[in-house]
Amino acid sequence: MLKLENLSKSFTVHTLGGKVIHGCERVSFSAGPGELLGLAGPSGSGKSSILKCIYRTYLPTSGAMIYSSGEFGPVDLVRASEHTIVRLRSREIGYVTQFLKVPPRVSAVDVVAEPLAWRGGPLDEARKDACDMLDRLHIPRVLFDAYPATFSGGEQQRINVARAVVARPRLLLLDEPTASLDQLSVGIIVSILRGLKKEGCTMIGIFHDRGLMESVADRIYEMSPLAV
């Protein structure tokens, strides 16, 4: 489903006199349908940079990322057009980021329903599916029409997860999906991830809890500290 070949990302920091900072260097791995690949390594080793490159929040410096798209066939995410990337994000690729970033005056149910609405289905069905996912993640119904910007950190993280998984993506990127959550919420999210795996979803994940990662990941890619 996804193959990275010598992926590298560097940043030129002009405020530091043009110093080059390496986000990740010569990363190569692959993940198949229904497989969860964990990324492990110390802080600063480039784990989040890899996810941002795959999602194309960052434009990689070199290498290739071959994704087997359901709509376009094999796509090199390094060289794909912006139009193709936006299309894949709306149809096939989900991303649980570390921090929820949504418009300040959009309700929780509409934040979660948006990925389904992008696919062109009826809005009322999208909102129903969003409500079902919010229920599953134990978001109180009184908050469905409230703004996530006012929620607690744990509630925002559950909204983050709900938004990423509600449309059942083919490829799901997970950046600390269970950080700051209670054990009940962690268990629910693990159950959701295992369900997606059975449906063939490919996942690349970073987990703060090594034991948890080992319990859900099929394989773990170990990363070394980057040279300064």
Protein backbone atom coordinates (compact mmCIF):
# COMPACT_ATOMS: atom_id res chain seq x y z
CA MET A 1 0.00 0.00 0.00
CA LEU A 2 2.83 2.42 0.84
CA LYS A 3 6.56 2.26 0.18
CA LEU A 4 9.11 4.89 1.21
CA GLU A 5 12.47 4.87 -0.57
CA ASN A 6 15.34 6.95 0.88
CA LEU A 7 12.99 9.70 2.04
CA SER A 8 14.73 12.80 3.37
CA LYS A 9 13.49 16.17 4.54
CA SER A 10 15.68 19.12 5.52
CA PHE A 11 14.91 22.70 6.50
CA THR A 12 16.98 25.82 5.88
CA VAL A 13 16.65 28.15 8.89
CA HIS A 14 17.41 31.64 7.62
CA THR A 15 17.23 33.16 11.10
CA LEU A 16 20.21 30.95 11.97
CA GLY A 17 22.28 32.11 9.04
CA GLY A 18 21.04 29.45 6.64
CA LYS A 19 21.71 26.50 8.95
CA VAL A 20 20.28 23.24 7.58
CA ILE A 21 18.20 21.18 10.00
CA HIS A 22 17.44 17.56 9.10
CA GLY A 23 13.90 16.40 9.75
CA CYS A 24 14.49 12.83 8.55
CA GLU A 25 17.19 11.17 6.48
CA ARG A 26 17.15 8.25 4.03
CA VAL A 27 14.08 6.56 5.50
CA SER A 28 12.95 3.39 3.74
CA PHE A 29 10.08 1.11 4.74
CA SER A 30 6.87 -0.37 3.40
CA ALA A 31 3.44 -1.24 4.82
CA GLY A 32 0.77 -3.43 3.31
CA PRO A 33 -3.04 -3.49 3.46
CA GLY A 34 -4.33 -4.13 6.96
CA GLU A 35 -0.91 -3.55 8.51
CA LEU A 36 -0.01 -1.09 11.27
CA LEU A 37 3.64 -0.03 11.18
CA GLY A 38 4.86 1.69 14.34
CA LEU A 39 7.56 4.37 14.24
CA ALA A 40 9.81 4.31 17.30
CA GLY A 41 12.79 6.41 18.33
CA PRO A 42 13.87 9.24 20.61
CA SER A 43 12.40 12.72 20.43
CA GLY A 44 13.86 14.56 17.47
CA SER A 45 14.57 11.46 15.41
CA GLY A 46 12.09 12.54 12.72
CA LYS A 47 8.99 10.45 13.39
CA SER A 48 6.47 13.28 13.01
CA SER A 49 8.39 14.67 10.04
CA ILE A 50 7.85 11.38 8.23
CA LEU A 51 4.09 11.52 8.76
CA LYS A 52 3.98 15.14 7.61
CA CYS A 53 5.91 14.20 4.48
CA ILE A 54 3.49 11.36 3.70
CA TYR A 55 0.53 13.72 4.16
CA ARG A 56 2.49 16.36 2.22
CA THR A 57 2.26 18.96 4.94
CA TYR A 58 6.02 18.94 4.30
CA LEU A 59 7.39 18.66 0.77
CA PRO A 60 10.18 16.07 0.97
CA THR A 61 13.68 17.09 -0.06
CA SER A 62 14.47 13.81 -1.82
CA GLY A 63 13.40 10.20 -2.15
CA ALA A 64 10.11 8.63 -3.18
CA MET A 65 6.85 7.62 -1.50
CA ILE A 66 4.82 5.23 -3.64
CA TYR A 67 1.21 4.96 -2.53
CA SER A 68 -1.20 2.48 -4.15
CA SER A 69 -4.19 4.76 -4.53
CA GLY A 70 -7.64 3.35 -5.07
CA GLU A 71 -8.48 6.19 -7.46
CA PHE A 72 -5.24 6.91 -9.30
CA GLY A 73 -3.24 3.70 -8.99
CA PRO A 74 0.43 4.03 -7.94
CA VAL A 75 1.21 7.65 -6.95
CA ASP A 76 4.57 9.09 -5.88
CA LEU A 77 3.47 11.40 -3.08
CA VAL A 78 6.75 13.31 -3.34
CA ARG A 79 6.05 14.41 -6.92
CA ALA A 80 2.24 14.36 -7.09
CA SER A 81 0.44 17.60 -7.93
CA GLU A 82 -1.29 19.62 -5.24
CA HIS A 83 -4.62 18.73 -6.84
CA THR A 84 -3.88 15.01 -6.51
CA ILE A 85 -2.77 15.41 -2.89
CA VAL A 86 -5.92 17.32 -1.93
CA ARG A 87 -8.03 14.68 -3.65
CA LEU A 88 -6.28 11.86 -1.80
CA ARG A 89 -6.67 13.63 1.53
CA SER A 90 -10.39 14.04 0.96
CA ARG A 91 -10.95 10.48 -0.31
CA GLU A 92 -8.31 8.09 0.95
CA ILE A 93 -5.81 9.38 3.52
CA GLY A 94 -6.66 10.19 7.14
CA TYR A 95 -4.38 11.89 9.66
CA VAL A 96 -4.62 12.09 13.44
CA THR A 97 -2.41 15.04 14.31
CA GLN A 98 -1.01 15.85 17.75
CA PHE A 99 -3.17 18.96 18.02
CA LEU A 100 -6.71 19.58 16.80
CA LYS A 101 -6.84 22.51 14.39
CA VAL A 102 -10.34 23.40 13.21
CA PRO A 103 -12.29 26.59 12.49
CA PRO A 104 -13.30 28.15 15.83
CA ARG A 105 -17.05 28.31 15.18
CA VAL A 106 -17.80 24.89 13.69
CA SER A 107 -19.65 22.37 15.85
CA ALA A 108 -18.08 19.09 16.88
CA VAL A 109 -20.50 17.03 14.82
CA ASP A 110 -19.78 19.09 11.70
CA VAL A 111 -16.02 18.88 12.26
CA VAL A 112 -16.31 15.09 12.29
CA ALA A 113 -18.82 14.94 9.43
CA GLU A 114 -16.71 17.05 7.09
CA PRO A 115 -14.57 14.20 5.64
CA LEU A 116 -17.78 12.34 4.74
CA ALA A 117 -19.30 15.47 3.21
CA TRP A 118 -16.18 15.89 1.04
CA ARG A 119 -17.10 12.59 -0.61
CA GLY A 120 -20.37 14.02 -1.86
CA GLY A 121 -22.84 12.05 0.24
CA PRO A 122 -25.97 13.53 1.85
CA LEU A 123 -25.12 15.87 4.71
CA ASP A 124 -27.73 14.36 7.04
CA GLU A 125 -26.17 10.89 6.61
CA ALA A 126 -22.71 12.33 7.20
CA ARG A 127 -23.87 13.98 10.41
CA LYS A 128 -25.56 10.76 11.57
CA ASP A 129 -22.35 8.78 11.03
CA ALA A 130 -20.45 11.52 12.85
CA CYS A 131 -22.86 11.32 15.79
CA ASP A 132 -22.40 7.54 15.93
CA MET A 133 -18.63 7.94 16.05
CA LEU A 134 -18.85 10.63 18.73
CA ASP A 135 -21.08 8.33 20.77
CA ARG A 136 -18.58 5.52 20.39
CA LEU A 137 -15.81 7.78 21.68
CA HIS A 138 -17.95 8.84 24.68
CA ILE A 139 -18.31 12.49 23.71
CA PRO A 140 -21.38 13.73 25.64
CA ARG A 141 -24.30 14.47 23.30
CA VAL A 142 -24.71 17.88 24.93
CA LEU A 143 -21.38 18.79 23.29
CA PHE A 144 -22.22 17.67 19.76
CA ASP A 145 -23.28 21.17 18.71
CA ALA A 146 -20.60 22.93 20.78
CA TYR A 147 -17.29 24.19 19.44
CA PRO A 148 -14.28 21.86 19.96
CA ALA A 149 -12.08 24.88 20.70
CA THR A 150 -13.86 25.04 24.08
CA PHE A 151 -13.35 21.34 24.88
CA SER A 152 -10.83 19.76 27.25
CA GLY A 153 -7.60 18.39 25.80
CA GLY A 154 -8.83 14.80 26.02
CA GLU A 155 -12.13 15.66 24.34
CA GLN A 156 -10.32 17.49 21.55
CA GLN A 157 -8.10 14.47 20.97
CA ARG A 158 -11.13 12.21 20.66
CA ILE A 159 -12.64 14.65 18.14
CA ASN A 160 -9.33 14.48 16.29
CA VAL A 161 -9.50 10.69 16.13
CA ALA A 162 -13.20 10.66 15.18
CA ARG A 163 -12.61 13.04 12.28
CA ALA A 164 -9.73 10.95 10.93
CA VAL A 165 -11.42 7.53 11.12
CA VAL A 166 -15.10 8.26 10.41
CA ALA A 167 -14.63 7.98 6.63
CA ARG A 168 -12.65 4.71 6.95
CA PRO A 169 -9.54 5.80 5.04
CA ARG A 170 -7.34 3.41 3.06
CA LEU A 171 -4.23 4.95 4.65
CA LEU A 172 -4.26 6.36 8.18
CA LEU A 173 -1.43 8.35 9.77
CA LEU A 174 -1.39 8.41 13.57
CA ASP A 175 0.67 10.94 15.50
CA GLU A 176 0.21 10.14 19.21
CA PRO A 177 -3.51 9.26 18.88
CA THR A 178 -3.83 8.20 22.52
CA ALA A 179 -1.72 10.89 24.19
CA SER A 180 -3.32 12.39 27.33
CA LEU A 181 -6.31 10.02 27.19
CA ASP A 182 -7.72 7.90 30.01
CA GLN A 183 -7.56 4.11 29.82
CA LEU A 184 -11.20 3.75 28.75
CA SER A 185 -10.67 6.09 25.78
CA VAL A 186 -7.41 4.37 24.87
CA GLY A 187 -9.20 1.02 24.81
CA ILE A 188 -11.94 2.39 22.54
CA ILE A 189 -9.41 3.83 20.11
CA VAL A 190 -7.43 0.60 20.02
CA SER A 191 -10.67 -1.24 19.23
CA ILE A 192 -11.39 1.20 16.38
CA LEU A 193 -7.88 0.77 14.97
CA ARG A 194 -8.14 -3.00 15.08
CA GLY A 195 -11.47 -2.79 13.27
CA LEU A 196 -9.92 -0.64 10.54
CA LYS A 197 -7.06 -3.13 10.21
CA LYS A 198 -9.57 -5.91 9.54
CA GLU A 199 -11.08 -3.74 6.79
CA GLY A 200 -7.65 -3.46 5.13
CA CYS A 201 -6.66 0.02 6.26
CA THR A 202 -2.90 0.60 6.27
CA MET A 203 -1.62 2.60 9.26
CA ILE A 204 1.64 4.33 10.13
CA GLY A 205 1.67 5.27 13.81
CA ILE A 206 3.63 7.04 16.53
CA PHE A 207 2.69 6.13 20.12
CA HIS A 208 4.07 7.63 23.32
CA ASP A 209 3.47 4.32 25.10
CA ARG A 210 5.90 1.69 23.81
CA GLY A 211 3.89 -1.14 25.35
CA LEU A 212 0.72 0.05 23.65
CA MET A 213 2.51 0.33 20.30
CA GLU A 214 3.85 -3.19 20.62
CA SER A 215 0.32 -4.46 21.33
CA VAL A 216 -1.24 -2.93 18.20
CA ALA A 217 1.60 -2.72 15.65
CA ASP A 218 2.44 -5.56 13.28
CA ARG A 219 5.99 -4.26 12.90
CA ILE A 220 8.06 -1.44 14.38
CA TYR A 221 10.51 0.72 12.44
CA GLU A 222 13.29 1.86 14.76
CA MET A 223 14.75 5.31 14.16
CA SER A 224 18.10 6.64 15.38
CA PRO A 225 18.84 10.19 16.61
CA LEU A 226 19.69 12.54 13.76
CA ALA A 227 23.14 14.08 13.62
CA VAL A 228 23.13 17.79 14.46
